[in-house]
Amino acid sequence: MIEVIVDSIRISLVSQHRIVVLKETDSERQLPIWIGPYEADAITIELQDVEMARPVTHDLLKNVISEMGGKVSHVLIKALNEGVFYASLFVDVNGEMKEIDSRSSDAIALAVRVKVPVFVNQDVMDEVGVLPEPDILQEDAKEGEGEDPETLDIFTDFVDTLDFEDFDE
């Protein structure tokens, strides 16, 4: 099993789907998983510490597990079958470890709430894990390293003078 962290949530420009990018803790390899917008929001809400007036679905699941005496141990993205990721929640109930089938997006949303590790089976990571390409922004930054700081200050001053209320119509 390979431990991963949630690196980012990305938005597809061609559909309503989102991609959660899991990154290995010990390397740069990443695992992109397509998820729905609601699950993406559920993960993002927790990662950004957004306070909700009422519990959302994954908060409810967390509360139910806790109230029934369980404690989530970890989450495992265990398989990829015909383009679908399969995950499991591992819940300790009175010393007995229960494995509960889950969609990967729901498992990740719960894991970030209960602050437990997320793991990926080695076979899954070997099959679809990717090394990120050099970031275009990093390349642009390297190219711009020799730019005159005064030019950037002029641009910053311009942006600071904008009144964004003028754009509301």
C-alpha atoms as a PDB file:
ATOM      1  CA  MET A   1       0.000   0.000   0.000  1.00  0.00           C
ATOM      2  CA  ILE A   2       1.182   3.485  -0.894  1.00  0.00           C
ATOM      3  CA  GLU A   3       0.193   6.425   1.292  1.00  0.00           C
ATOM      4  CA  VAL A   4      -1.143   9.455  -0.571  1.00  0.00           C
ATOM      5  CA  ILE A   5      -2.409  12.931   0.254  1.00  0.00           C
ATOM      6  CA  VAL A   6      -5.000  15.042  -1.513  1.00  0.00           C
ATOM      7  CA  ASP A   7      -2.844  17.296  -3.676  1.00  0.00           C
ATOM      8  CA  SER A   8      -5.577  19.211  -5.467  1.00  0.00           C
ATOM      9  CA  ILE A   9      -9.060  19.243  -6.922  1.00  0.00           C
ATOM     10  CA  ARG A  10      -9.123  20.209 -10.585  1.00  0.00           C
ATOM     11  CA  ILE A  11     -12.012  21.170 -12.819  1.00  0.00           C
ATOM     12  CA  SER A  12     -12.564  19.699 -16.264  1.00  0.00           C
ATOM     13  CA  LEU A  13     -13.100  22.372 -18.859  1.00  0.00           C
ATOM     14  CA  VAL A  14     -15.317  20.094 -20.955  1.00  0.00           C
ATOM     15  CA  SER A  15     -17.668  18.610 -18.372  1.00  0.00           C
ATOM     16  CA  GLN A  16     -19.078  19.101 -14.885  1.00  0.00           C
ATOM     17  CA  HIS A  17     -16.646  16.543 -13.508  1.00  0.00           C
ATOM     18  CA  ARG A  18     -13.782  17.243 -11.192  1.00  0.00           C
ATOM     19  CA  ILE A  19     -10.531  15.412 -10.710  1.00  0.00           C
ATOM     20  CA  VAL A  20      -9.070  14.741  -7.283  1.00  0.00           C
ATOM     21  CA  VAL A  21      -5.322  14.394  -7.557  1.00  0.00           C
ATOM     22  CA  LEU A  22      -3.760  12.132  -4.957  1.00  0.00           C
ATOM     23  CA  LYS A  23       0.000  12.473  -4.526  1.00  0.00           C
ATOM     24  CA  GLU A  24       2.331   9.888  -3.060  1.00  0.00           C
ATOM     25  CA  THR A  25       3.790  11.065   0.224  1.00  0.00           C
ATOM     26  CA  ASP A  26       7.254   9.760  -0.702  1.00  0.00           C
ATOM     27  CA  SER A  27       7.464  10.766  -4.367  1.00  0.00           C
ATOM     28  CA  GLU A  28       6.027  13.055  -7.021  1.00  0.00           C
ATOM     29  CA  ARG A  29       3.819  10.365  -8.593  1.00  0.00           C
ATOM     30  CA  GLN A  30       0.136  11.263  -8.706  1.00  0.00           C
ATOM     31  CA  LEU A  31      -3.138   9.413  -9.112  1.00  0.00           C
ATOM     32  CA  PRO A  32      -5.907  11.413 -10.809  1.00  0.00           C
ATOM     33  CA  ILE A  33      -9.465  10.214 -10.108  1.00  0.00           C
ATOM     34  CA  TRP A  34     -12.546  11.644 -11.828  1.00  0.00           C
ATOM     35  CA  ILE A  35     -15.211  12.567  -9.267  1.00  0.00           C
ATOM     36  CA  GLY A  36     -18.506  14.421  -9.297  1.00  0.00           C
ATOM     37  CA  PRO A  37     -18.925  18.087  -8.355  1.00  0.00           C
ATOM     38  CA  TYR A  38     -20.683  17.340  -5.055  1.00  0.00           C
ATOM     39  CA  GLU A  39     -17.929  15.035  -3.853  1.00  0.00           C
ATOM     40  CA  ALA A  40     -15.323  17.571  -4.958  1.00  0.00           C
ATOM     41  CA  ASP A  41     -17.121  20.237  -2.965  1.00  0.00           C
ATOM     42  CA  ALA A  42     -17.309  17.934   0.064  1.00  0.00           C
ATOM     43  CA  ILE A  43     -13.539  17.370  -0.030  1.00  0.00           C
ATOM     44  CA  THR A  44     -12.775  21.040  -0.677  1.00  0.00           C
ATOM     45  CA  ILE A  45     -15.060  22.247   2.129  1.00  0.00           C
ATOM     46  CA  GLU A  46     -13.146  20.180   4.651  1.00  0.00           C
ATOM     47  CA  LEU A  47      -9.671  20.953   3.320  1.00  0.00           C
ATOM     48  CA  GLN A  48     -10.402  24.677   3.408  1.00  0.00           C
ATOM     49  CA  ASP A  49     -11.975  24.524   6.901  1.00  0.00           C
ATOM     50  CA  VAL A  50     -15.260  25.993   5.675  1.00  0.00           C
ATOM     51  CA  GLU A  51     -17.854  26.086   8.444  1.00  0.00           C
ATOM     52  CA  MET A  52     -21.219  24.652   7.434  1.00  0.00           C
ATOM     53  CA  ALA A  53     -24.429  25.529   9.267  1.00  0.00           C
ATOM     54  CA  ARG A  54     -25.606  21.908   9.138  1.00  0.00           C
ATOM     55  CA  PRO A  55     -23.741  18.636   8.564  1.00  0.00           C
ATOM     56  CA  VAL A  56     -23.300  17.608   4.959  1.00  0.00           C
ATOM     57  CA  THR A  57     -23.579  13.934   3.974  1.00  0.00           C
ATOM     58  CA  HIS A  58     -19.974  13.020   4.788  1.00  0.00           C
ATOM     59  CA  ASP A  59     -20.222  14.768   8.160  1.00  0.00           C
ATOM     60  CA  LEU A  60     -23.324  12.678   8.824  1.00  0.00           C
ATOM     61  CA  LEU A  61     -21.435   9.487   7.956  1.00  0.00           C
ATOM     62  CA  LYS A  62     -18.609  10.522  10.276  1.00  0.00           C
ATOM     63  CA  ASN A  63     -21.087  11.194  13.093  1.00  0.00           C
ATOM     64  CA  VAL A  64     -22.960   7.900  12.595  1.00  0.00           C
ATOM     65  CA  ILE A  65     -19.753   5.850  12.666  1.00  0.00           C
ATOM     66  CA  SER A  66     -18.637   7.643  15.821  1.00  0.00           C
ATOM     67  CA  GLU A  67     -22.010   7.364  17.599  1.00  0.00           C
ATOM     68  CA  MET A  68     -22.116   3.643  16.882  1.00  0.00           C
ATOM     69  CA  GLY A  69     -18.733   3.168  18.547  1.00  0.00           C
ATOM     70  CA  GLY A  70     -16.639   2.902  15.400  1.00  0.00           C
ATOM     71  CA  LYS A  71     -13.439   4.635  14.450  1.00  0.00           C
ATOM     72  CA  VAL A  72     -12.220   4.930  10.874  1.00  0.00           C
ATOM     73  CA  SER A  73      -8.697   3.536  10.688  1.00  0.00           C
ATOM     74  CA  HIS A  74      -7.812   4.304   7.068  1.00  0.00           C
ATOM     75  CA  VAL A  75      -9.093   4.363   3.507  1.00  0.00           C
ATOM     76  CA  LEU A  76      -7.786   2.206   0.665  1.00  0.00           C
ATOM     77  CA  ILE A  77      -8.181   2.780  -3.061  1.00  0.00           C
ATOM     78  CA  LYS A  78      -7.935  -0.919  -3.760  1.00  0.00           C
ATOM     79  CA  ALA A  79      -8.783  -1.621  -7.384  1.00  0.00           C
ATOM     80  CA  LEU A  80      -9.440  -0.238 -10.828  1.00  0.00           C
ATOM     81  CA  ASN A  81     -11.889  -2.215 -12.930  1.00  0.00           C
ATOM     82  CA  GLU A  82     -13.046  -1.005 -16.366  1.00  0.00           C
ATOM     83  CA  GLY A  83     -12.155   2.575 -15.508  1.00  0.00           C
ATOM     84  CA  VAL A  84     -13.914   2.557 -12.124  1.00  0.00           C
ATOM     85  CA  PHE A  85     -11.952   2.923  -8.895  1.00  0.00           C
ATOM     86  CA  TYR A  86     -13.007   0.780  -5.939  1.00  0.00           C
ATOM     87  CA  ALA A  87     -12.272   1.812  -2.383  1.00  0.00           C
ATOM     88  CA  SER A  88     -12.828   0.546   1.129  1.00  0.00           C
ATOM     89  CA  LEU A  89     -13.258   2.193   4.488  1.00  0.00           C
ATOM     90  CA  PHE A  90     -11.599   0.357   7.347  1.00  0.00           C
ATOM     91  CA  VAL A  91     -13.558   0.890  10.544  1.00  0.00           C
ATOM     92  CA  ASP A  92     -12.565  -0.445  13.945  1.00  0.00           C
ATOM     93  CA  VAL A  93     -15.677  -1.438  15.903  1.00  0.00           C
ATOM     94  CA  ASN A  94     -14.887  -2.736  19.405  1.00  0.00           C
ATOM     95  CA  GLY A  95     -11.532  -4.116  18.284  1.00  0.00           C
ATOM     96  CA  GLU A  96     -12.914  -5.769  15.144  1.00  0.00           C
ATOM     97  CA  MET A  97     -11.779  -4.271  11.824  1.00  0.00           C
ATOM     98  CA  LYS A  98     -14.640  -3.948   9.331  1.00  0.00           C
ATOM     99  CA  GLU A  99     -13.992  -3.343   5.634  1.00  0.00           C
ATOM    100  CA  ILE A 100     -16.784  -1.341   4.011  1.00  0.00           C
ATOM    101  CA  ASP A 101     -17.082  -0.955   0.230  1.00  0.00           C
ATOM    102  CA  SER A 102     -17.118   2.664  -0.894  1.00  0.00           C
ATOM    103  CA  ARG A 103     -16.798   4.915  -3.891  1.00  0.00           C
ATOM    104  CA  SER A 104     -13.327   6.400  -3.873  1.00  0.00           C
ATOM    105  CA  SER A 105     -14.632   9.972  -3.790  1.00  0.00           C
ATOM    106  CA  ASP A 106     -16.803   9.283  -0.729  1.00  0.00           C
ATOM    107  CA  ALA A 107     -13.954   7.456   1.001  1.00  0.00           C
ATOM    108  CA  ILE A 108     -11.621  10.405   0.423  1.00  0.00           C
ATOM    109  CA  ALA A 109     -14.245  12.907   1.607  1.00  0.00           C
ATOM    110  CA  LEU A 110     -14.665  10.916   4.831  1.00  0.00           C
ATOM    111  CA  ALA A 111     -10.901  10.430   5.290  1.00  0.00           C
ATOM    112  CA  VAL A 112     -10.212  14.174   5.216  1.00  0.00           C
ATOM    113  CA  ARG A 113     -12.950  14.700   7.814  1.00  0.00           C
ATOM    114  CA  VAL A 114     -11.720  12.077  10.267  1.00  0.00           C
ATOM    115  CA  LYS A 115      -8.071  12.831   9.455  1.00  0.00           C
ATOM    116  CA  VAL A 116      -6.962   9.293   8.632  1.00  0.00           C
ATOM    117  CA  PRO A 117      -4.483   8.144   5.994  1.00  0.00           C
ATOM    118  CA  VAL A 118      -5.472   7.320   2.438  1.00  0.00           C
ATOM    119  CA  PHE A 119      -3.663   4.445   0.769  1.00  0.00           C
ATOM    120  CA  VAL A 120      -3.556   3.160  -2.810  1.00  0.00           C
ATOM    121  CA  ASN A 121      -2.777  -0.428  -3.733  1.00  0.00           C
ATOM    122  CA  GLN A 122       0.590  -0.735  -5.460  1.00  0.00           C
ATOM    123  CA  ASP A 123      -1.008  -2.383  -8.542  1.00  0.00           C
ATOM    124  CA  VAL A 124      -3.419   0.533  -9.004  1.00  0.00           C
ATOM    125  CA  MET A 125      -0.681   3.147  -8.664  1.00  0.00           C
ATOM    126  CA  ASP A 126       1.590   1.238 -11.031  1.00  0.00           C
ATOM    127  CA  GLU A 127      -1.203   0.994 -13.610  1.00  0.00           C
ATOM    128  CA  VAL A 128      -2.504   4.569 -13.640  1.00  0.00           C
ATOM    129  CA  GLY A 129      -0.178   6.689 -11.512  1.00  0.00           C
ATOM    130  CA  VAL A 130       1.535   9.490 -13.400  1.00  0.00           C
ATOM    131  CA  LEU A 131       4.508  11.749 -12.910  1.00  0.00           C
ATOM    132  CA  PRO A 132       3.487  15.386 -13.364  1.00  0.00           C
ATOM    133  CA  GLU A 133       4.828  17.312 -16.318  1.00  0.00           C
ATOM    134  CA  PRO A 134       6.836  20.416 -15.532  1.00  0.00           C
ATOM    135  CA  ASP A 135       4.386  23.139 -14.681  1.00  0.00           C
ATOM    136  CA  ILE A 136       3.945  25.759 -17.371  1.00  0.00           C
ATOM    137  CA  LEU A 137       3.739  28.433 -14.687  1.00  0.00           C
ATOM    138  CA  GLN A 138       7.075  27.348 -13.251  1.00  0.00           C
ATOM    139  CA  GLU A 139       8.613  27.496 -16.716  1.00  0.00           C
ATOM    140  CA  ASP A 140       7.136  30.964 -17.265  1.00  0.00           C
ATOM    141  CA  ALA A 141       8.512  32.076 -13.907  1.00  0.00           C
ATOM    142  CA  LYS A 142      11.976  30.878 -14.845  1.00  0.00           C
ATOM    143  CA  GLU A 143      11.756  32.752 -18.133  1.00  0.00           C
ATOM    144  CA  GLY A 144      10.643  35.899 -16.305  1.00  0.00           C
ATOM    145  CA  GLU A 145      13.370  35.776 -13.669  1.00  0.00           C
ATOM    146  CA  GLY A 146      15.375  38.409 -15.504  1.00  0.00           C
ATOM    147  CA  GLU A 147      12.434  40.812 -15.825  1.00  0.00           C
ATOM    148  CA  ASP A 148      12.683  44.282 -14.418  1.00  0.00           C
ATOM    149  CA  PRO A 149      10.936  44.405 -10.990  1.00  0.00           C
ATOM    150  CA  GLU A 150       9.791  47.932 -11.815  1.00  0.00           C
ATOM    151  CA  THR A 151       7.698  46.573 -14.705  1.00  0.00           C
ATOM    152  CA  LEU A 152       5.979  44.181 -12.317  1.00  0.00           C
ATOM    153  CA  ASP A 153       5.416  47.003  -9.804  1.00  0.00           C
ATOM    154  CA  ILE A 154       3.644  49.040 -12.471  1.00  0.00           C
ATOM    155  CA  PHE A 155       1.335  46.109 -13.223  1.00  0.00           C
ATOM    156  CA  THR A 156       0.690  45.526  -9.506  1.00  0.00           C
ATOM    157  CA  ASP A 157      -0.130  49.222  -9.037  1.00  0.00           C
ATOM    158  CA  PHE A 158      -2.587  49.030 -11.951  1.00  0.00           C
ATOM    159  CA  VAL A 159      -4.358  45.975 -10.518  1.00  0.00           C
ATOM    160  CA  ASP A 160      -4.543  47.607  -7.096  1.00  0.00           C
ATOM    161  CA  THR A 161      -6.389  50.626  -8.596  1.00  0.00           C
ATOM    162  CA  LEU A 162      -9.137  48.514 -10.165  1.00  0.00           C
ATOM    163  CA  ASP A 163     -12.582  48.801  -8.603  1.00  0.00           C
ATOM    164  CA  PHE A 164     -14.166  45.405  -9.101  1.00  0.00           C
ATOM    165  CA  GLU A 165     -17.606  46.758  -8.203  1.00  0.00           C
ATOM    166  CA  ASP A 166     -17.558  48.464 -11.619  1.00  0.00           C
ATOM    167  CA  PHE A 167     -17.704  45.011 -13.223  1.00  0.00           C
ATOM    168  CA  ASP A 168     -20.967  44.014 -11.487  1.00  0.00           C
ATOM    169  CA  GLU A 169     -23.832  44.580 -13.874  1.00  0.00           C
END
